[in-house]
Each structure stands twice: as structure tokens, then as C-alpha cells.
Amino acid sequence: MSKSRIPDELRAEIIAQFGSRCAYCQTQQKISGIRLTIDHIVPEVLGGTTEKSNLCLACWDCNLYKAARISAFDDKTQQNVRLFHPQQQVWSEHFEWSADSSLIIGKTIIGQVSITALRVNRAELVISRKLWTEVGWHPPKR
């Protein structure tokens, strides 16, 4: 199956909806200097459609680690758990920032599994978050 082209108007809606930040790790495009991409939450290869309800903004690393998955195996429960769905779930219900705002902490099993699967606390991002926090650019305002 070939990838769908996302119309410019729909792309602009998704960028505005997610405030130009990654729906998963919350990295802001304006401070990272890295252009974000549109992610099919349910990948096209799994039947996902190119509709607003199935699209979000993602940084390249989160998108890469998510790949063509909608779930990941949880070692603690020994179950496959659905990954966070940015269009159907609220980020703050599944995640929170650590006291110094450098780490994302999972509040639910969905949050915990998504953190591990997407590696949202990768070392280089944690370092950047610390620096961004020092200058008042992080965490992003809702």
C-alpha cells in the first residue's frame, strides 16, 4: 500500500491542533529546530486512514520508534498494551513531567508502555529539556 499525501489544509489543521509540538514527547518545533512530521496514529499498513481523527504531529524520533505499531508488549503485565492515541486520549491523563521537567513519567499503563516504546526520555532529549527549562522554554504551555 502506498503512503497517502496529506493535503496542505489538513496538515495545517494538525500543526495548529498540536501547537507545533510532538504529540508524544511534547518537543516544540520552534525550540528544537527540527521540523515535525505528520504521523498516522494507526498506520496505513494496519488500515489507518488519512483523516484528522487518525493524524497527529510527531518528531522524527518518536515517529521512527513508533514505526507501524499501535501497541507494545509490557514486561510487567505480560500483555500487549495499546500505545497512547493523541486524538482519542488526553496527554495529561497518561503522562506528567518530573519535578525538573526533564523526564516524562507515565501515570497509566498506556503512558508507561508508550514512554518505553517511543523512547520519549532518550538521553539527548532529556539534556535538551534541562537546558530549555533553564531558559524558560520548557515545559510547553498547554
N, C-alpha and C. Protein backbone atom coordinates (compact mmCIF):
# COMPACT_ATOMS: atom_id res chain seq x y z
N MET A 1 0.85 -1.18 0.00
CA MET A 1 0.00 0.00 0.00
C MET A 1 0.89 1.24 0.00
N SER A 2 0.61 2.18 -0.85
CA SER A 2 1.42 3.40 -0.92
C SER A 2 0.96 4.40 0.13
N LYS A 3 1.88 5.24 0.52
CA LYS A 3 1.56 6.26 1.51
C LYS A 3 0.70 7.35 0.90
N SER A 4 -0.23 7.86 1.68
CA SER A 4 -1.11 8.92 1.22
C SER A 4 -0.44 10.28 1.35
N ARG A 5 -0.70 11.14 0.40
CA ARG A 5 -0.25 12.51 0.51
C ARG A 5 -1.25 13.24 1.40
N ILE A 6 -0.74 13.99 2.33
CA ILE A 6 -1.62 14.72 3.25
C ILE A 6 -1.84 16.11 2.68
N PRO A 7 -3.09 16.44 2.39
CA PRO A 7 -3.39 17.78 1.83
C PRO A 7 -2.87 18.90 2.74
N ASP A 8 -2.42 19.99 2.13
CA ASP A 8 -1.86 21.12 2.88
C ASP A 8 -2.81 21.66 3.94
N GLU A 9 -4.09 21.74 3.63
CA GLU A 9 -5.07 22.26 4.59
C GLU A 9 -5.17 21.36 5.82
N LEU A 10 -5.20 20.05 5.60
CA LEU A 10 -5.26 19.09 6.71
C LEU A 10 -3.97 19.13 7.52
N ARG A 11 -2.84 19.23 6.84
CA ARG A 11 -1.54 19.35 7.51
C ARG A 11 -1.53 20.57 8.43
N ALA A 12 -2.03 21.70 7.93
CA ALA A 12 -2.08 22.93 8.73
C ALA A 12 -2.99 22.76 9.95
N GLU A 13 -4.11 22.06 9.79
CA GLU A 13 -5.02 21.81 10.91
C GLU A 13 -4.33 20.99 12.00
N ILE A 14 -3.59 19.97 11.60
CA ILE A 14 -2.89 19.10 12.57
C ILE A 14 -1.80 19.89 13.29
N ILE A 15 -1.05 20.68 12.55
CA ILE A 15 0.01 21.50 13.16
C ILE A 15 -0.60 22.45 14.19
N ALA A 16 -1.70 23.08 13.85
CA ALA A 16 -2.37 24.01 14.78
C ALA A 16 -2.93 23.25 15.98
N GLN A 17 -3.58 22.13 15.75
CA GLN A 17 -4.18 21.36 16.84
C GLN A 17 -3.14 20.97 17.89
N PHE A 18 -1.96 20.56 17.43
CA PHE A 18 -0.94 20.09 18.36
C PHE A 18 0.07 21.17 18.73
N GLY A 19 -0.21 22.41 18.36
CA GLY A 19 0.62 23.53 18.79
C GLY A 19 2.06 23.44 18.34
N SER A 20 2.30 22.88 17.17
CA SER A 20 3.66 22.73 16.63
C SER A 20 4.58 21.99 17.59
N ARG A 21 4.02 20.97 18.26
CA ARG A 21 4.87 20.14 19.13
C ARG A 21 4.48 18.67 18.95
N CYS A 22 5.42 17.80 19.25
CA CYS A 22 5.21 16.37 19.12
C CYS A 22 4.10 15.93 20.08
N ALA A 23 3.14 15.20 19.56
CA ALA A 23 2.01 14.72 20.38
C ALA A 23 2.46 13.72 21.44
N TYR A 24 3.62 13.13 21.25
CA TYR A 24 4.12 12.11 22.17
C TYR A 24 5.11 12.68 23.19
N CYS A 25 6.24 13.22 22.73
CA CYS A 25 7.27 13.71 23.67
C CYS A 25 7.15 15.20 23.97
N GLN A 26 6.21 15.88 23.30
CA GLN A 26 5.93 17.30 23.52
C GLN A 26 7.06 18.24 23.09
N THR A 27 8.01 17.76 22.31
CA THR A 27 9.08 18.62 21.83
C THR A 27 8.50 19.67 20.88
N GLN A 28 8.86 20.91 21.15
CA GLN A 28 8.35 22.04 20.37
C GLN A 28 9.26 22.29 19.17
N GLN A 29 8.67 22.39 18.01
CA GLN A 29 9.45 22.61 16.79
C GLN A 29 10.27 23.89 16.88
N LYS A 30 9.69 24.95 17.44
CA LYS A 30 10.36 26.25 17.46
C LYS A 30 11.63 26.27 18.31
N ILE A 31 11.74 25.37 19.29
CA ILE A 31 12.96 25.37 20.09
C ILE A 31 13.90 24.23 19.73
N SER A 32 13.38 23.20 19.07
CA SER A 32 14.25 22.08 18.70
C SER A 32 14.96 22.35 17.38
N GLY A 33 14.33 23.17 16.53
CA GLY A 33 14.91 23.42 15.22
C GLY A 33 14.73 22.27 14.25
N ILE A 34 13.96 21.27 14.65
CA ILE A 34 13.74 20.10 13.80
C ILE A 34 12.28 20.11 13.36
N ARG A 35 12.08 20.05 12.05
CA ARG A 35 10.72 20.05 11.51
C ARG A 35 10.00 18.77 11.92
N LEU A 36 8.78 18.92 12.39
CA LEU A 36 7.98 17.77 12.79
C LEU A 36 7.26 17.19 11.58
N THR A 37 6.78 15.97 11.74
CA THR A 37 6.11 15.27 10.66
C THR A 37 4.69 14.89 11.07
N ILE A 38 3.88 14.56 10.10
CA ILE A 38 2.53 14.09 10.39
C ILE A 38 2.59 12.57 10.53
N ASP A 39 2.06 12.07 11.64
CA ASP A 39 2.06 10.64 11.94
C ASP A 39 0.65 10.08 11.78
N HIS A 40 0.55 8.94 11.12
CA HIS A 40 -0.70 8.18 11.12
C HIS A 40 -0.71 7.39 12.42
N ILE A 41 -1.58 7.73 13.34
CA ILE A 41 -1.62 7.09 14.65
C ILE A 41 -1.84 5.58 14.49
N VAL A 42 -2.85 5.23 13.73
CA VAL A 42 -2.99 3.84 13.27
C VAL A 42 -2.37 3.85 11.87
N PRO A 43 -1.23 3.19 11.71
CA PRO A 43 -0.52 3.24 10.43
C PRO A 43 -1.37 2.75 9.26
N GLU A 44 -1.09 3.30 8.11
CA GLU A 44 -1.82 2.91 6.91
C GLU A 44 -1.73 1.40 6.66
N VAL A 45 -0.57 0.82 6.95
CA VAL A 45 -0.40 -0.63 6.72
C VAL A 45 -1.30 -1.47 7.63
N LEU A 46 -1.80 -0.85 8.70
CA LEU A 46 -2.74 -1.53 9.59
C LEU A 46 -4.18 -1.06 9.36
N GLY A 47 -4.41 -0.37 8.26
CA GLY A 47 -5.75 0.08 7.92
C GLY A 47 -6.08 1.50 8.33
N GLY A 48 -5.10 2.23 8.87
CA GLY A 48 -5.33 3.61 9.27
C GLY A 48 -5.58 4.51 8.08
N THR A 49 -6.40 5.50 8.29
CA THR A 49 -6.78 6.41 7.22
C THR A 49 -6.11 7.77 7.37
N THR A 50 -6.12 8.51 6.26
CA THR A 50 -5.57 9.86 6.27
C THR A 50 -6.70 10.84 6.56
N GLU A 51 -7.18 10.79 7.80
CA GLU A 51 -8.23 11.68 8.29
C GLU A 51 -7.74 12.31 9.58
N LYS A 52 -8.25 13.48 9.89
CA LYS A 52 -7.82 14.22 11.08
C LYS A 52 -7.85 13.35 12.34
N SER A 53 -8.86 12.52 12.47
CA SER A 53 -9.00 11.68 13.67
C SER A 53 -7.92 10.62 13.80
N ASN A 54 -7.11 10.43 12.77
CA ASN A 54 -6.04 9.43 12.81
C ASN A 54 -4.67 10.05 12.59
N LEU A 55 -4.58 11.36 12.67
CA LEU A 55 -3.29 12.03 12.43
C LEU A 55 -2.87 12.85 13.63
N CYS A 56 -1.56 12.93 13.81
CA CYS A 56 -1.01 13.81 14.85
C CYS A 56 0.34 14.32 14.37
N LEU A 57 0.88 15.25 15.11
CA LEU A 57 2.20 15.80 14.83
C LEU A 57 3.20 15.02 15.67
N ALA A 58 4.31 14.64 15.05
CA ALA A 58 5.32 13.86 15.78
C ALA A 58 6.72 14.30 15.37
N CYS A 59 7.63 14.21 16.33
CA CYS A 59 9.03 14.45 15.98
C CYS A 59 9.51 13.20 15.22
N TRP A 60 10.59 13.34 14.51
CA TRP A 60 11.08 12.24 13.69
C TRP A 60 11.46 11.03 14.53
N ASP A 61 12.04 11.25 15.70
CA ASP A 61 12.45 10.11 16.53
C ASP A 61 11.26 9.35 17.08
N CYS A 62 10.27 10.05 17.61
CA CYS A 62 9.08 9.35 18.10
C CYS A 62 8.40 8.58 16.97
N ASN A 63 8.32 9.21 15.81
CA ASN A 63 7.71 8.56 14.66
C ASN A 63 8.50 7.31 14.26
N LEU A 64 9.80 7.41 14.29
CA LEU A 64 10.67 6.28 13.95
C LEU A 64 10.51 5.13 14.95
N TYR A 65 10.52 5.45 16.23
CA TYR A 65 10.38 4.40 17.25
C TYR A 65 8.99 3.80 17.29
N LYS A 66 7.98 4.60 16.98
CA LYS A 66 6.61 4.08 16.94
C LYS A 66 6.47 3.12 15.77
N ALA A 67 7.05 3.49 14.65
CA ALA A 67 7.01 2.67 13.43
C ALA A 67 5.56 2.34 13.06
N ALA A 68 5.31 1.13 12.63
CA ALA A 68 3.97 0.72 12.19
C ALA A 68 3.27 -0.05 13.30
N ARG A 69 3.31 0.52 14.52
CA ARG A 69 2.70 -0.16 15.67
C ARG A 69 1.58 0.66 16.26
N ILE A 70 0.66 -0.03 16.90
CA ILE A 70 -0.38 0.62 17.69
C ILE A 70 -0.34 0.10 19.13
N SER A 71 0.53 -0.88 19.38
CA SER A 71 0.66 -1.44 20.72
C SER A 71 2.09 -1.89 20.94
N ALA A 72 2.40 -2.17 22.20
CA ALA A 72 3.73 -2.68 22.56
C ALA A 72 3.57 -3.63 23.74
N PHE A 73 4.50 -4.53 23.87
CA PHE A 73 4.46 -5.52 24.95
C PHE A 73 4.94 -4.90 26.25
N ASP A 74 4.19 -5.13 27.31
CA ASP A 74 4.55 -4.63 28.64
C ASP A 74 5.13 -5.79 29.45
N ASP A 75 6.38 -5.68 29.82
CA ASP A 75 7.04 -6.74 30.59
C ASP A 75 6.40 -6.98 31.95
N LYS A 76 5.90 -5.91 32.58
CA LYS A 76 5.32 -6.05 33.93
C LYS A 76 4.03 -6.88 33.92
N THR A 77 3.13 -6.55 33.00
CA THR A 77 1.84 -7.25 32.96
C THR A 77 1.84 -8.44 32.01
N GLN A 78 2.90 -8.55 31.21
CA GLN A 78 2.99 -9.62 30.20
C GLN A 78 1.84 -9.54 29.20
N GLN A 79 1.45 -8.31 28.86
CA GLN A 79 0.36 -8.08 27.91
C GLN A 79 0.79 -7.09 26.84
N ASN A 80 0.11 -7.17 25.72
CA ASN A 80 0.25 -6.15 24.69
C ASN A 80 -0.67 -5.00 25.08
N VAL A 81 -0.15 -3.78 25.10
CA VAL A 81 -0.90 -2.61 25.53
C VAL A 81 -0.93 -1.60 24.38
N ARG A 82 -2.11 -1.04 24.13
CA ARG A 82 -2.23 -0.01 23.10
C ARG A 82 -1.37 1.19 23.46
N LEU A 83 -0.72 1.76 22.46
CA LEU A 83 0.05 2.98 22.65
C LEU A 83 -0.90 4.17 22.79
N PHE A 84 -0.38 5.23 23.36
CA PHE A 84 -1.15 6.47 23.52
C PHE A 84 -1.69 6.93 22.16
N HIS A 85 -2.96 7.29 22.12
CA HIS A 85 -3.64 7.75 20.90
C HIS A 85 -3.94 9.24 21.08
N PRO A 86 -3.13 10.12 20.49
CA PRO A 86 -3.27 11.56 20.72
C PRO A 86 -4.59 12.18 20.31
N GLN A 87 -5.36 11.54 19.47
CA GLN A 87 -6.64 12.09 19.08
C GLN A 87 -7.79 11.60 19.97
N GLN A 88 -7.58 10.49 20.65
CA GLN A 88 -8.65 9.92 21.48
C GLN A 88 -8.37 10.03 22.97
N GLN A 89 -7.13 10.33 23.32
CA GLN A 89 -6.75 10.39 24.73
C GLN A 89 -6.08 11.73 25.03
N VAL A 90 -6.11 12.11 26.29
CA VAL A 90 -5.54 13.38 26.73
C VAL A 90 -4.15 13.12 27.32
N TRP A 91 -3.14 13.84 26.82
CA TRP A 91 -1.75 13.62 27.23
C TRP A 91 -1.61 13.67 28.75
N SER A 92 -2.18 14.69 29.39
CA SER A 92 -2.01 14.88 30.84
C SER A 92 -2.69 13.80 31.68
N GLU A 93 -3.56 13.01 31.10
CA GLU A 93 -4.17 11.90 31.83
C GLU A 93 -3.26 10.68 31.87
N HIS A 94 -2.31 10.61 30.96
CA HIS A 94 -1.43 9.46 30.86
C HIS A 94 0.03 9.77 31.20
N PHE A 95 0.37 11.06 31.19
CA PHE A 95 1.77 11.47 31.39
C PHE A 95 1.82 12.69 32.30
N GLU A 96 2.98 12.87 32.92
CA GLU A 96 3.27 14.10 33.66
C GLU A 96 4.78 14.34 33.58
N TRP A 97 5.17 15.55 33.91
CA TRP A 97 6.59 15.91 33.91
C TRP A 97 7.19 15.61 35.27
N SER A 98 8.46 15.22 35.28
CA SER A 98 9.19 15.08 36.54
C SER A 98 9.34 16.45 37.18
N ALA A 99 9.78 16.50 38.42
CA ALA A 99 9.89 17.77 39.15
C ALA A 99 10.75 18.79 38.40
N ASP A 100 11.80 18.34 37.73
CA ASP A 100 12.67 19.26 36.99
C ASP A 100 12.28 19.39 35.52
N SER A 101 11.17 18.77 35.12
CA SER A 101 10.62 18.82 33.75
C SER A 101 11.50 18.18 32.69
N SER A 102 12.45 17.37 33.10
CA SER A 102 13.33 16.74 32.11
C SER A 102 12.83 15.37 31.66
N LEU A 103 12.02 14.73 32.48
CA LEU A 103 11.53 13.39 32.17
C LEU A 103 10.01 13.38 32.06
N ILE A 104 9.52 12.53 31.18
CA ILE A 104 8.09 12.27 31.11
C ILE A 104 7.84 11.01 31.93
N ILE A 105 6.87 11.08 32.82
CA ILE A 105 6.54 9.96 33.70
C ILE A 105 5.17 9.43 33.31
N GLY A 106 5.05 8.13 33.21
CA GLY A 106 3.78 7.51 32.87
C GLY A 106 2.87 7.42 34.08
N LYS A 107 1.67 7.93 33.97
CA LYS A 107 0.68 7.87 35.05
C LYS A 107 -0.21 6.63 34.92
N THR A 108 -0.25 6.06 33.72
CA THR A 108 -1.08 4.88 33.45
C THR A 108 -0.23 3.85 32.73
N ILE A 109 -0.76 2.66 32.58
CA ILE A 109 -0.03 1.62 31.84
C ILE A 109 0.16 2.05 30.38
N ILE A 110 -0.82 2.75 29.82
CA ILE A 110 -0.68 3.26 28.45
C ILE A 110 0.49 4.24 28.38
N GLY A 111 0.56 5.14 29.35
CA GLY A 111 1.66 6.09 29.40
C GLY A 111 3.00 5.41 29.57
N GLN A 112 3.07 4.47 30.49
CA GLN A 112 4.33 3.77 30.76
C GLN A 112 4.83 3.00 29.54
N VAL A 113 3.93 2.28 28.89
CA VAL A 113 4.32 1.50 27.71
C VAL A 113 4.71 2.42 26.55
N SER A 114 3.98 3.51 26.39
CA SER A 114 4.29 4.46 25.32
C SER A 114 5.65 5.12 25.54
N ILE A 115 5.97 5.45 26.78
CA ILE A 115 7.27 6.04 27.10
C ILE A 115 8.40 5.10 26.69
N THR A 116 8.25 3.84 27.03
CA THR A 116 9.29 2.86 26.70
C THR A 116 9.37 2.62 25.19
N ALA A 117 8.22 2.39 24.57
CA ALA A 117 8.20 2.06 23.14
C ALA A 117 8.73 3.20 22.27
N LEU A 118 8.34 4.42 22.60
CA LEU A 118 8.75 5.57 21.78
C LEU A 118 10.03 6.23 22.28
N ARG A 119 10.56 5.74 23.38
CA ARG A 119 11.81 6.24 23.96
C ARG A 119 11.77 7.76 24.13
N VAL A 120 10.68 8.24 24.71
CA VAL A 120 10.49 9.69 24.85
C VAL A 120 11.45 10.32 25.85
N ASN A 121 12.13 9.51 26.64
CA ASN A 121 13.13 10.05 27.58
C ASN A 121 14.54 9.70 27.11
N ARG A 122 14.75 9.73 25.79
CA ARG A 122 16.08 9.45 25.25
C ARG A 122 17.07 10.50 25.76
N ALA A 123 18.29 10.08 25.98
CA ALA A 123 19.30 10.90 26.68
C ALA A 123 19.45 12.30 26.10
N GLU A 124 19.56 12.41 24.79
CA GLU A 124 19.79 13.73 24.19
C GLU A 124 18.58 14.65 24.39
N LEU A 125 17.40 14.09 24.45
CA LEU A 125 16.20 14.90 24.66
C LEU A 125 16.10 15.35 26.12
N VAL A 126 16.48 14.50 27.04
CA VAL A 126 16.48 14.86 28.47
C VAL A 126 17.46 16.02 28.71
N ILE A 127 18.62 15.94 28.09
CA ILE A 127 19.61 17.02 28.22
C ILE A 127 19.04 18.33 27.65
N SER A 128 18.43 18.24 26.49
CA SER A 128 17.83 19.43 25.87
C SER A 128 16.73 20.00 26.75
N ARG A 129 15.89 19.13 27.31
CA ARG A 129 14.80 19.62 28.18
C ARG A 129 15.35 20.38 29.38
N LYS A 130 16.43 19.89 29.94
CA LYS A 130 17.05 20.59 31.09
C LYS A 130 17.49 21.99 30.68
N LEU A 131 18.12 22.09 29.52
CA LEU A 131 18.57 23.40 29.03
C LEU A 131 17.39 24.30 28.70
N TRP A 132 16.38 23.75 28.03
CA TRP A 132 15.20 24.54 27.69
C TRP A 132 14.48 25.03 28.94
N THR A 133 14.46 24.20 29.99
CA THR A 133 13.82 24.59 31.25
C THR A 133 14.57 25.76 31.89
N GLU A 134 15.89 25.71 31.85
CA GLU A 134 16.72 26.77 32.43
C GLU A 134 16.40 28.14 31.83
N VAL A 135 16.09 28.18 30.54
CA VAL A 135 15.81 29.46 29.89
C VAL A 135 14.31 29.76 29.79
N GLY A 136 13.48 28.88 30.38
CA GLY A 136 12.05 29.13 30.44
C GLY A 136 11.25 28.72 29.20
N TRP A 137 11.83 27.88 28.37
CA TRP A 137 11.13 27.45 27.15
C TRP A 137 10.39 26.13 27.32
N HIS A 138 10.56 25.50 28.45
CA HIS A 138 10.01 24.16 28.68
C HIS A 138 9.56 24.06 30.13
N PRO A 139 8.54 23.31 30.44
CA PRO A 139 7.71 22.51 29.55
C PRO A 139 6.75 23.39 28.75
N PRO A 140 6.25 22.85 27.64
CA PRO A 140 5.34 23.65 26.82
C PRO A 140 4.06 24.01 27.58
N LYS A 141 3.55 25.17 27.28
CA LYS A 141 2.29 25.60 27.89
C LYS A 141 1.15 24.98 27.12
N ARG A 142 0.16 24.51 27.80
CA ARG A 142 -0.99 23.86 27.14
C ARG A 142 -1.87 24.87 26.50
